[in-house]
Amino acid sequence: MILSLLSSRNAIPSHSIQHYLETINPYLTIVHPELFALRTNITGSDSFPDQELQGPATTLLVVCMQLFSQNDDPVIKGEENADRAIYRSAKQILSVLRAIDSPSIELIQCSILLAFYEYTHEDLGRAYVSIGDANTMASILHVGPGKYLEDEREAIIPYEEEERRCIYWSLFVLDRLVQTDYSLLQMPHQIPPAVVSPPAADDLLPTNHLLWYDEGQSPYYITQRYPADTDFSVPVGPFQRNCQYAMLYTGISPPQSPAGPTAFELGSHTVTSASMLPISILDL
């Protein structure tokens, strides 16, 4: 059983997943929270019984999200070997599922999460390969950001549509993070080409924004359609802002002003990688 991989961790799975969704997912939205809740039948319990998960790909997704759980206990924090064992097993299971199943949204999400894990552990080569694998599956499923249309500005946005858009942008941001780190560590002729096709100016940014305007106010979500070339002066969520920053590392004309709302200044966070993009503040 795939969830048995977590037996070596002294953590409650549902608590770790909630930690991931609250601390990492807002900055790099690989997993759509509402659809994930539906697929895992979350009821507030402390575990995810295998029979309540919709197939092995969803179960593997739970395991991959667990790789990013944090624990303040110094004993647990030192158990890096356990995480590496889970990571290696997850990679093996993903390769098997890729061989016997058709590409799916969940398998793409697993590949992106593993690529992100590899990136945060400075394994750029493996991260690059994992991004390529995820991008291949995304291309087969025609995953993309969609187009901004003024007459659809107030239209209801289906969860599935937003999930696919977030997958595209997560891939794009992570691909540019890897490219940026390669450019800092390698000679120009050693930098591999970008994997993910850049967005067009009229492509849609992710539409679910987490906003806050001062430290004393609780953040809240709004749904708003914006094109990729939206000016930096427009308040958007941290994931959307990271998407815009990632565009600065391509040939795309970026939004006009880099001076975004101060609510999204991330300089006070600890940078854990060589990347210059704001997403690198994630303390993993």
C-alpha atoms as a PDB file:
ATOM      1  CA  MET A   1       0.000   0.000   0.000  1.00  0.00           C
ATOM      2  CA  ILE A   2       1.411   3.361  -1.053  1.00  0.00           C
ATOM      3  CA  LEU A   3       0.506   5.127   2.192  1.00  0.00           C
ATOM      4  CA  SER A   4       2.672   2.641   4.103  1.00  0.00           C
ATOM      5  CA  LEU A   5       5.613   4.767   2.897  1.00  0.00           C
ATOM      6  CA  LEU A   6       4.632   7.259   5.580  1.00  0.00           C
ATOM      7  CA  SER A   7       5.017   4.768   8.429  1.00  0.00           C
ATOM      8  CA  SER A   8       8.608   5.927   8.985  1.00  0.00           C
ATOM      9  CA  ARG A   9       7.409   9.474   9.687  1.00  0.00           C
ATOM     10  CA  ASN A  10       6.257  10.486  13.136  1.00  0.00           C
ATOM     11  CA  ALA A  11       3.587  12.808  11.789  1.00  0.00           C
ATOM     12  CA  ILE A  12      -0.181  12.826  11.323  1.00  0.00           C
ATOM     13  CA  PRO A  13      -0.781  12.781   7.540  1.00  0.00           C
ATOM     14  CA  SER A  14      -3.817  15.072   7.511  1.00  0.00           C
ATOM     15  CA  HIS A  15      -2.014  17.659   9.664  1.00  0.00           C
ATOM     16  CA  SER A  16       1.021  17.616   7.376  1.00  0.00           C
ATOM     17  CA  ILE A  17      -1.172  18.002   4.300  1.00  0.00           C
ATOM     18  CA  GLN A  18      -2.955  20.956   5.870  1.00  0.00           C
ATOM     19  CA  HIS A  19       0.430  22.499   6.668  1.00  0.00           C
ATOM     20  CA  TYR A  20       1.457  22.123   3.026  1.00  0.00           C
ATOM     21  CA  LEU A  21      -1.772  23.656   1.723  1.00  0.00           C
ATOM     22  CA  GLU A  22      -1.500  26.635   4.082  1.00  0.00           C
ATOM     23  CA  THR A  23       2.219  27.432   3.815  1.00  0.00           C
ATOM     24  CA  ILE A  24       3.521  26.331   0.408  1.00  0.00           C
ATOM     25  CA  ASN A  25       0.567  25.937  -1.927  1.00  0.00           C
ATOM     26  CA  PRO A  26      -0.386  29.667  -1.884  1.00  0.00           C
ATOM     27  CA  TYR A  27       3.029  30.505  -3.390  1.00  0.00           C
ATOM     28  CA  LEU A  28       3.226  27.659  -5.919  1.00  0.00           C
ATOM     29  CA  THR A  29      -0.267  26.247  -6.393  1.00  0.00           C
ATOM     30  CA  ILE A  30       0.445  22.763  -7.693  1.00  0.00           C
ATOM     31  CA  VAL A  31      -2.582  21.232  -5.944  1.00  0.00           C
ATOM     32  CA  HIS A  32      -6.106  22.619  -6.207  1.00  0.00           C
ATOM     33  CA  PRO A  33      -7.330  22.548  -2.566  1.00  0.00           C
ATOM     34  CA  GLU A  34     -11.046  22.058  -3.261  1.00  0.00           C
ATOM     35  CA  LEU A  35     -10.564  19.295  -5.819  1.00  0.00           C
ATOM     36  CA  PHE A  36      -7.972  17.626  -3.601  1.00  0.00           C
ATOM     37  CA  ALA A  37     -10.491  17.607  -0.735  1.00  0.00           C
ATOM     38  CA  LEU A  38     -13.103  16.004  -2.982  1.00  0.00           C
ATOM     39  CA  ARG A  39     -10.716  13.350  -4.278  1.00  0.00           C
ATOM     40  CA  THR A  40      -9.452  12.398  -0.838  1.00  0.00           C
ATOM     41  CA  ASN A  41     -12.804  12.636   0.959  1.00  0.00           C
ATOM     42  CA  ILE A  42     -11.275  14.703   3.737  1.00  0.00           C
ATOM     43  CA  THR A  43     -13.581  14.695   6.754  1.00  0.00           C
ATOM     44  CA  GLY A  44     -11.269  16.121   9.395  1.00  0.00           C
ATOM     45  CA  SER A  45      -9.892  12.753  10.472  1.00  0.00           C
ATOM     46  CA  ASP A  46      -6.218  12.204  11.230  1.00  0.00           C
ATOM     47  CA  SER A  47      -5.621   9.702   8.424  1.00  0.00           C
ATOM     48  CA  PHE A  48      -6.341   8.969   4.780  1.00  0.00           C
ATOM     49  CA  PRO A  49      -7.518   5.345   4.472  1.00  0.00           C
ATOM     50  CA  ASP A  50      -6.487   3.921   1.091  1.00  0.00           C
ATOM     51  CA  GLN A  51     -10.062   2.971   0.286  1.00  0.00           C
ATOM     52  CA  GLU A  52     -11.120   6.628   0.554  1.00  0.00           C
ATOM     53  CA  LEU A  53      -8.600   7.813  -2.035  1.00  0.00           C
ATOM     54  CA  GLN A  54      -9.496   7.798  -5.707  1.00  0.00           C
ATOM     55  CA  GLY A  55      -6.840   5.488  -7.084  1.00  0.00           C
ATOM     56  CA  PRO A  56      -3.080   5.025  -6.689  1.00  0.00           C
ATOM     57  CA  ALA A  57      -2.219   8.334  -8.385  1.00  0.00           C
ATOM     58  CA  THR A  58      -4.193  10.310  -5.782  1.00  0.00           C
ATOM     59  CA  THR A  59      -2.604   8.239  -3.021  1.00  0.00           C
ATOM     60  CA  LEU A  60       0.870   8.964  -4.403  1.00  0.00           C
ATOM     61  CA  LEU A  61      -0.031  12.657  -4.499  1.00  0.00           C
ATOM     62  CA  VAL A  62      -0.689  12.534  -0.747  1.00  0.00           C
ATOM     63  CA  VAL A  63       2.756  10.986  -0.235  1.00  0.00           C
ATOM     64  CA  CYS A  64       4.459  13.620  -2.407  1.00  0.00           C
ATOM     65  CA  MET A  65       2.791  16.441  -0.467  1.00  0.00           C
ATOM     66  CA  GLN A  66       4.047  14.848   2.750  1.00  0.00           C
ATOM     67  CA  LEU A  67       7.621  15.430   1.581  1.00  0.00           C
ATOM     68  CA  PHE A  68       7.148  19.130   2.305  1.00  0.00           C
ATOM     69  CA  SER A  69       5.710  18.810   5.797  1.00  0.00           C
ATOM     70  CA  GLN A  70       7.719  20.482   8.513  1.00  0.00           C
ATOM     71  CA  ASN A  71       8.143  19.547  12.133  1.00  0.00           C
ATOM     72  CA  ASP A  72       9.666  21.725  14.832  1.00  0.00           C
ATOM     73  CA  ASP A  73      10.791  18.719  16.857  1.00  0.00           C
ATOM     74  CA  PRO A  74      14.624  18.678  16.521  1.00  0.00           C
ATOM     75  CA  VAL A  75      14.649  14.883  16.600  1.00  0.00           C
ATOM     76  CA  ILE A  76      12.219  14.629  13.711  1.00  0.00           C
ATOM     77  CA  LYS A  77      13.902  17.451  11.833  1.00  0.00           C
ATOM     78  CA  GLY A  78      17.112  15.431  11.756  1.00  0.00           C
ATOM     79  CA  GLU A  79      15.495  12.446  10.076  1.00  0.00           C
ATOM     80  CA  GLU A  80      16.474  13.492   6.565  1.00  0.00           C
ATOM     81  CA  ASN A  81      17.165   9.891   5.590  1.00  0.00           C
ATOM     82  CA  ALA A  82      13.504   8.979   6.110  1.00  0.00           C
ATOM     83  CA  ASP A  83      12.413  11.731   3.733  1.00  0.00           C
ATOM     84  CA  ARG A  84      14.951  10.641   1.142  1.00  0.00           C
ATOM     85  CA  ALA A  85      13.693   7.060   1.363  1.00  0.00           C
ATOM     86  CA  ILE A  86      10.118   8.248   0.826  1.00  0.00           C
ATOM     87  CA  TYR A  87      11.277  10.397  -2.083  1.00  0.00           C
ATOM     88  CA  ARG A  88      13.081   7.496  -3.779  1.00  0.00           C
ATOM     89  CA  SER A  89      10.099   5.193  -3.310  1.00  0.00           C
ATOM     90  CA  ALA A  90       7.733   7.847  -4.656  1.00  0.00           C
ATOM     91  CA  LYS A  91       9.927   8.233  -7.749  1.00  0.00           C
ATOM     92  CA  GLN A  92       9.835   4.486  -8.333  1.00  0.00           C
ATOM     93  CA  ILE A  93       6.058   4.279  -7.889  1.00  0.00           C
ATOM     94  CA  LEU A  94       5.571   7.224 -10.234  1.00  0.00           C
ATOM     95  CA  SER A  95       7.656   5.506 -12.921  1.00  0.00           C
ATOM     96  CA  VAL A  96       5.505   2.375 -12.584  1.00  0.00           C
ATOM     97  CA  LEU A  97       2.252   4.349 -12.784  1.00  0.00           C
ATOM     98  CA  ARG A  98       3.582   6.224 -15.805  1.00  0.00           C
ATOM     99  CA  ALA A  99       4.254   2.876 -17.486  1.00  0.00           C
ATOM    100  CA  ILE A 100       0.897   1.235 -16.790  1.00  0.00           C
ATOM    101  CA  ASP A 101      -1.530   4.195 -16.690  1.00  0.00           C
ATOM    102  CA  SER A 102      -2.403   6.964 -19.094  1.00  0.00           C
ATOM    103  CA  PRO A 103      -1.269  10.499 -18.199  1.00  0.00           C
ATOM    104  CA  SER A 104      -3.504  12.155 -15.626  1.00  0.00           C
ATOM    105  CA  ILE A 105      -3.690  15.426 -13.721  1.00  0.00           C
ATOM    106  CA  GLU A 106      -2.661  13.655 -10.511  1.00  0.00           C
ATOM    107  CA  LEU A 107       0.438  12.117 -12.124  1.00  0.00           C
ATOM    108  CA  ILE A 108       1.437  15.540 -13.446  1.00  0.00           C
ATOM    109  CA  GLN A 109       1.034  17.001  -9.960  1.00  0.00           C
ATOM    110  CA  CYS A 110       3.185  14.207  -8.510  1.00  0.00           C
ATOM    111  CA  SER A 111       5.916  14.908 -11.070  1.00  0.00           C
ATOM    112  CA  ILE A 112       5.855  18.640 -10.308  1.00  0.00           C
ATOM    113  CA  LEU A 113       6.013  18.048  -6.552  1.00  0.00           C
ATOM    114  CA  LEU A 114       8.959  15.689  -6.959  1.00  0.00           C
ATOM    115  CA  ALA A 115      10.657  18.226  -9.239  1.00  0.00           C
ATOM    116  CA  PHE A 116      10.108  20.906  -6.599  1.00  0.00           C
ATOM    117  CA  TYR A 117      11.544  18.608  -3.922  1.00  0.00           C
ATOM    118  CA  GLU A 118      14.593  17.993  -6.122  1.00  0.00           C
ATOM    119  CA  TYR A 119      14.972  21.709  -6.766  1.00  0.00           C
ATOM    120  CA  THR A 120      14.839  22.592  -3.059  1.00  0.00           C
ATOM    121  CA  HIS A 121      17.516  19.946  -2.445  1.00  0.00           C
ATOM    122  CA  GLU A 122      19.737  21.501  -5.146  1.00  0.00           C
ATOM    123  CA  ASP A 123      19.403  18.517  -7.474  1.00  0.00           C
ATOM    124  CA  LEU A 124      18.897  20.610 -10.597  1.00  0.00           C
ATOM    125  CA  GLY A 125      19.523  17.810 -13.085  1.00  0.00           C
ATOM    126  CA  ARG A 126      16.810  15.560 -11.699  1.00  0.00           C
ATOM    127  CA  ALA A 127      14.461  18.524 -11.264  1.00  0.00           C
ATOM    128  CA  TYR A 128      14.948  19.406 -14.933  1.00  0.00           C
ATOM    129  CA  VAL A 129      14.120  15.841 -16.005  1.00  0.00           C
ATOM    130  CA  SER A 130      11.046  15.715 -13.740  1.00  0.00           C
ATOM    131  CA  ILE A 131       9.780  19.015 -15.151  1.00  0.00           C
ATOM    132  CA  GLY A 132      10.210  17.610 -18.647  1.00  0.00           C
ATOM    133  CA  ASP A 133       8.248  14.490 -17.716  1.00  0.00           C
ATOM    134  CA  ALA A 134       5.435  16.557 -16.198  1.00  0.00           C
ATOM    135  CA  ASN A 135       5.397  18.886 -19.197  1.00  0.00           C
ATOM    136  CA  THR A 136       5.136  15.935 -21.604  1.00  0.00           C
ATOM    137  CA  MET A 137       2.075  14.611 -19.768  1.00  0.00           C
ATOM    138  CA  ALA A 138       0.617  18.126 -19.617  1.00  0.00           C
ATOM    139  CA  SER A 139       1.058  18.495 -23.382  1.00  0.00           C
ATOM    140  CA  ILE A 140      -0.743  15.201 -23.999  1.00  0.00           C
ATOM    141  CA  LEU A 141      -3.673  16.407 -21.876  1.00  0.00           C
ATOM    142  CA  HIS A 142      -3.592  19.881 -23.510  1.00  0.00           C
ATOM    143  CA  VAL A 143      -3.021  21.592 -20.177  1.00  0.00           C
ATOM    144  CA  GLY A 144      -2.684  25.344 -20.576  1.00  0.00           C
ATOM    145  CA  PRO A 145      -3.537  28.708 -19.020  1.00  0.00           C
ATOM    146  CA  GLY A 146      -6.474  29.605 -21.236  1.00  0.00           C
ATOM    147  CA  LYS A 147      -7.108  33.033 -22.728  1.00  0.00           C
ATOM    148  CA  TYR A 148      -8.297  36.244 -21.121  1.00  0.00           C
ATOM    149  CA  LEU A 149     -11.569  37.372 -22.695  1.00  0.00           C
ATOM    150  CA  GLU A 150     -13.147  40.606 -21.520  1.00  0.00           C
ATOM    151  CA  ASP A 151     -16.697  39.312 -21.982  1.00  0.00           C
ATOM    152  CA  GLU A 152     -15.909  36.369 -19.655  1.00  0.00           C
ATOM    153  CA  ARG A 153     -14.468  38.549 -16.898  1.00  0.00           C
ATOM    154  CA  GLU A 154     -17.353  37.809 -14.502  1.00  0.00           C
ATOM    155  CA  ALA A 155     -18.037  34.228 -15.633  1.00  0.00           C
ATOM    156  CA  ILE A 156     -17.926  31.363 -13.137  1.00  0.00           C
ATOM    157  CA  ILE A 157     -14.611  29.504 -13.232  1.00  0.00           C
ATOM    158  CA  PRO A 158     -14.897  25.701 -12.934  1.00  0.00           C
ATOM    159  CA  TYR A 159     -12.505  24.028 -10.495  1.00  0.00           C
ATOM    160  CA  GLU A 160     -11.143  21.729 -13.201  1.00  0.00           C
ATOM    161  CA  GLU A 161     -10.312  24.664 -15.482  1.00  0.00           C
ATOM    162  CA  GLU A 162      -8.485  26.492 -12.701  1.00  0.00           C
ATOM    163  CA  GLU A 163      -6.618  23.322 -11.715  1.00  0.00           C
ATOM    164  CA  ARG A 164      -5.218  22.929 -15.231  1.00  0.00           C
ATOM    165  CA  ARG A 165      -4.266  26.596 -15.351  1.00  0.00           C
ATOM    166  CA  CYS A 166      -2.411  26.324 -12.035  1.00  0.00           C
ATOM    167  CA  ILE A 167      -0.570  23.235 -13.263  1.00  0.00           C
ATOM    168  CA  TYR A 168       0.664  25.116 -16.331  1.00  0.00           C
ATOM    169  CA  TRP A 169       1.842  28.099 -14.299  1.00  0.00           C
ATOM    170  CA  SER A 170       3.461  25.926 -11.610  1.00  0.00           C
ATOM    171  CA  LEU A 171       5.418  24.159 -14.331  1.00  0.00           C
ATOM    172  CA  PHE A 172       6.395  27.473 -15.895  1.00  0.00           C
ATOM    173  CA  VAL A 173       7.556  29.019 -12.605  1.00  0.00           C
ATOM    174  CA  LEU A 174       9.514  25.936 -11.553  1.00  0.00           C
ATOM    175  CA  ASP A 175      11.099  25.629 -14.999  1.00  0.00           C
ATOM    176  CA  ARG A 176      12.321  29.236 -14.755  1.00  0.00           C
ATOM    177  CA  LEU A 177      13.601  28.671 -11.223  1.00  0.00           C
ATOM    178  CA  VAL A 178      15.735  25.784 -12.455  1.00  0.00           C
ATOM    179  CA  GLN A 179      16.919  27.853 -15.430  1.00  0.00           C
ATOM    180  CA  THR A 180      17.875  30.719 -13.126  1.00  0.00           C
ATOM    181  CA  ASP A 181      19.880  28.486 -10.805  1.00  0.00           C
ATOM    182  CA  TYR A 182      21.616  26.856 -13.763  1.00  0.00           C
ATOM    183  CA  SER A 183      22.576  30.322 -15.022  1.00  0.00           C
ATOM    184  CA  LEU A 184      24.163  31.107 -11.652  1.00  0.00           C
ATOM    185  CA  LEU A 185      26.057  27.824 -11.390  1.00  0.00           C
ATOM    186  CA  GLN A 186      26.957  26.880 -14.968  1.00  0.00           C
ATOM    187  CA  MET A 187      28.661  28.360 -17.988  1.00  0.00           C
ATOM    188  CA  PRO A 188      26.179  29.710 -20.579  1.00  0.00           C
ATOM    189  CA  HIS A 189      26.774  26.840 -23.006  1.00  0.00           C
ATOM    190  CA  GLN A 190      25.994  24.317 -20.245  1.00  0.00           C
ATOM    191  CA  ILE A 191      22.528  25.677 -19.457  1.00  0.00           C
ATOM    192  CA  PRO A 192      19.835  23.327 -20.829  1.00  0.00           C
ATOM    193  CA  PRO A 193      17.005  24.883 -22.837  1.00  0.00           C
ATOM    194  CA  ALA A 194      13.755  25.872 -21.156  1.00  0.00           C
ATOM    195  CA  VAL A 195      11.172  23.096 -21.083  1.00  0.00           C
ATOM    196  CA  VAL A 196       7.841  24.905 -20.716  1.00  0.00           C
ATOM    197  CA  SER A 197       6.574  27.187 -23.476  1.00  0.00           C
ATOM    198  CA  PRO A 198       6.210  30.763 -22.186  1.00  0.00           C
ATOM    199  CA  PRO A 199       2.763  32.334 -21.870  1.00  0.00           C
ATOM    200  CA  ALA A 200       1.351  34.891 -24.269  1.00  0.00           C
ATOM    201  CA  ALA A 201       0.385  38.336 -23.033  1.00  0.00           C
ATOM    202  CA  ASP A 202      -3.321  37.473 -23.199  1.00  0.00           C
ATOM    203  CA  ASP A 203      -3.013  34.152 -21.375  1.00  0.00           C
ATOM    204  CA  LEU A 204      -4.848  33.991 -18.064  1.00  0.00           C
ATOM    205  CA  LEU A 205      -3.036  34.193 -14.766  1.00  0.00           C
ATOM    206  CA  PRO A 206      -4.350  31.837 -12.063  1.00  0.00           C
ATOM    207  CA  THR A 207      -7.672  33.287 -10.970  1.00  0.00           C
ATOM    208  CA  ASN A 208      -7.842  32.388  -7.256  1.00  0.00           C
ATOM    209  CA  HIS A 209      -5.969  35.177  -5.434  1.00  0.00           C
ATOM    210  CA  LEU A 210      -4.909  35.203  -1.782  1.00  0.00           C
ATOM    211  CA  LEU A 211      -4.883  38.870  -0.787  1.00  0.00           C
ATOM    212  CA  TRP A 212      -3.996  40.898   2.274  1.00  0.00           C
ATOM    213  CA  TYR A 213      -3.205  44.577   2.675  1.00  0.00           C
ATOM    214  CA  ASP A 214      -1.604  44.877   6.102  1.00  0.00           C
ATOM    215  CA  GLU A 215      -0.077  42.591   8.694  1.00  0.00           C
ATOM    216  CA  GLY A 216      -2.990  43.041  11.077  1.00  0.00           C
ATOM    217  CA  GLN A 217      -5.542  41.774   8.583  1.00  0.00           C
ATOM    218  CA  SER A 218      -6.256  38.128   7.844  1.00  0.00           C
ATOM    219  CA  PRO A 219      -5.717  37.140   4.200  1.00  0.00           C
ATOM    220  CA  TYR A 220      -8.718  36.226   2.113  1.00  0.00           C
ATOM    221  CA  TYR A 221      -9.359  34.695  -1.304  1.00  0.00           C
ATOM    222  CA  ILE A 222     -10.988  36.407  -4.255  1.00  0.00           C
ATOM    223  CA  THR A 223     -11.623  35.086  -7.763  1.00  0.00           C
ATOM    224  CA  GLN A 224     -10.553  37.471 -10.503  1.00  0.00           C
ATOM    225  CA  ARG A 225      -9.473  37.034 -14.126  1.00  0.00           C
ATOM    226  CA  TYR A 226      -6.316  38.894 -15.172  1.00  0.00           C
ATOM    227  CA  PRO A 227      -4.187  38.503 -18.314  1.00  0.00           C
ATOM    228  CA  ALA A 228      -0.510  37.643 -17.998  1.00  0.00           C
ATOM    229  CA  ASP A 229       0.576  41.190 -18.899  1.00  0.00           C
ATOM    230  CA  THR A 230      -1.327  42.746 -15.984  1.00  0.00           C
ATOM    231  CA  ASP A 231       0.601  45.655 -14.495  1.00  0.00           C
ATOM    232  CA  PHE A 232       2.506  45.054 -11.263  1.00  0.00           C
ATOM    233  CA  SER A 233       0.519  47.850  -9.617  1.00  0.00           C
ATOM    234  CA  VAL A 234      -2.590  45.641  -9.673  1.00  0.00           C
ATOM    235  CA  PRO A 235      -2.997  43.664  -6.408  1.00  0.00           C
ATOM    236  CA  VAL A 236      -2.763  39.945  -7.111  1.00  0.00           C
ATOM    237  CA  GLY A 237      -2.033  36.868  -5.004  1.00  0.00           C
ATOM    238  CA  PRO A 238       1.504  35.632  -4.222  1.00  0.00           C
ATOM    239  CA  PHE A 239       1.260  32.776  -6.737  1.00  0.00           C
ATOM    240  CA  GLN A 240       0.151  35.177  -9.456  1.00  0.00           C
ATOM    241  CA  ARG A 241       2.990  37.545  -8.567  1.00  0.00           C
ATOM    242  CA  ASN A 242       5.477  34.688  -8.792  1.00  0.00           C
ATOM    243  CA  CYS A 243       4.088  33.880 -12.243  1.00  0.00           C
ATOM    244  CA  GLN A 244       4.731  37.481 -13.283  1.00  0.00           C
ATOM    245  CA  TYR A 245       8.255  37.414 -11.867  1.00  0.00           C
ATOM    246  CA  ALA A 246       8.949  34.199 -13.766  1.00  0.00           C
ATOM    247  CA  MET A 247       8.012  36.012 -16.973  1.00  0.00           C
ATOM    248  CA  LEU A 248      10.903  38.401 -16.341  1.00  0.00           C
ATOM    249  CA  TYR A 249      13.280  35.512 -17.053  1.00  0.00           C
ATOM    250  CA  THR A 250      11.904  34.932 -20.554  1.00  0.00           C
ATOM    251  CA  GLY A 251      11.672  36.937 -23.723  1.00  0.00           C
ATOM    252  CA  ILE A 252       8.154  38.054 -22.829  1.00  0.00           C
ATOM    253  CA  SER A 253       7.516  41.738 -22.317  1.00  0.00           C
ATOM    254  CA  PRO A 254       6.893  41.979 -18.564  1.00  0.00           C
ATOM    255  CA  PRO A 255       4.289  44.191 -16.895  1.00  0.00           C
ATOM    256  CA  GLN A 256       5.291  47.842 -16.877  1.00  0.00           C
ATOM    257  CA  SER A 257       6.180  48.505 -13.250  1.00  0.00           C
ATOM    258  CA  PRO A 258       8.046  46.101 -10.925  1.00  0.00           C
ATOM    259  CA  ALA A 259       6.765  47.979  -7.872  1.00  0.00           C
ATOM    260  CA  GLY A 260       3.955  45.716  -6.680  1.00  0.00           C
ATOM    261  CA  PRO A 261       1.905  46.058  -3.487  1.00  0.00           C
ATOM    262  CA  THR A 262       4.005  46.004  -0.347  1.00  0.00           C
ATOM    263  CA  ALA A 263       1.835  43.194   0.988  1.00  0.00           C
ATOM    264  CA  PHE A 264       3.792  40.820  -1.212  1.00  0.00           C
ATOM    265  CA  GLU A 265       7.311  41.912  -0.302  1.00  0.00           C
ATOM    266  CA  LEU A 266       9.092  38.710   0.582  1.00  0.00           C
ATOM    267  CA  GLY A 267      12.534  40.011   1.474  1.00  0.00           C
ATOM    268  CA  SER A 268      12.147  39.264   5.182  1.00  0.00           C
ATOM    269  CA  HIS A 269      11.992  35.521   4.539  1.00  0.00           C
ATOM    270  CA  THR A 270      14.987  33.231   4.517  1.00  0.00           C
ATOM    271  CA  VAL A 271      16.234  32.293   1.054  1.00  0.00           C
ATOM    272  CA  THR A 272      17.103  28.602   0.913  1.00  0.00           C
ATOM    273  CA  SER A 273      18.376  28.360  -2.663  1.00  0.00           C
ATOM    274  CA  ALA A 274      20.405  30.358  -5.133  1.00  0.00           C
ATOM    275  CA  SER A 275      17.318  31.418  -7.054  1.00  0.00           C
ATOM    276  CA  MET A 276      16.403  35.078  -7.309  1.00  0.00           C
ATOM    277  CA  LEU A 277      12.668  34.521  -7.773  1.00  0.00           C
ATOM    278  CA  PRO A 278      10.373  35.240  -4.804  1.00  0.00           C
ATOM    279  CA  ILE A 279       9.227  31.617  -4.627  1.00  0.00           C
ATOM    280  CA  SER A 280      12.672  30.781  -3.257  1.00  0.00           C
ATOM    281  CA  ILE A 281      11.619  32.122   0.144  1.00  0.00           C
ATOM    282  CA  LEU A 282       9.911  28.822   0.906  1.00  0.00           C
ATOM    283  CA  ASP A 283      11.680  27.438   3.958  1.00  0.00           C
ATOM    284  CA  LEU A 284      11.870  23.732   3.169  1.00  0.00           C
END
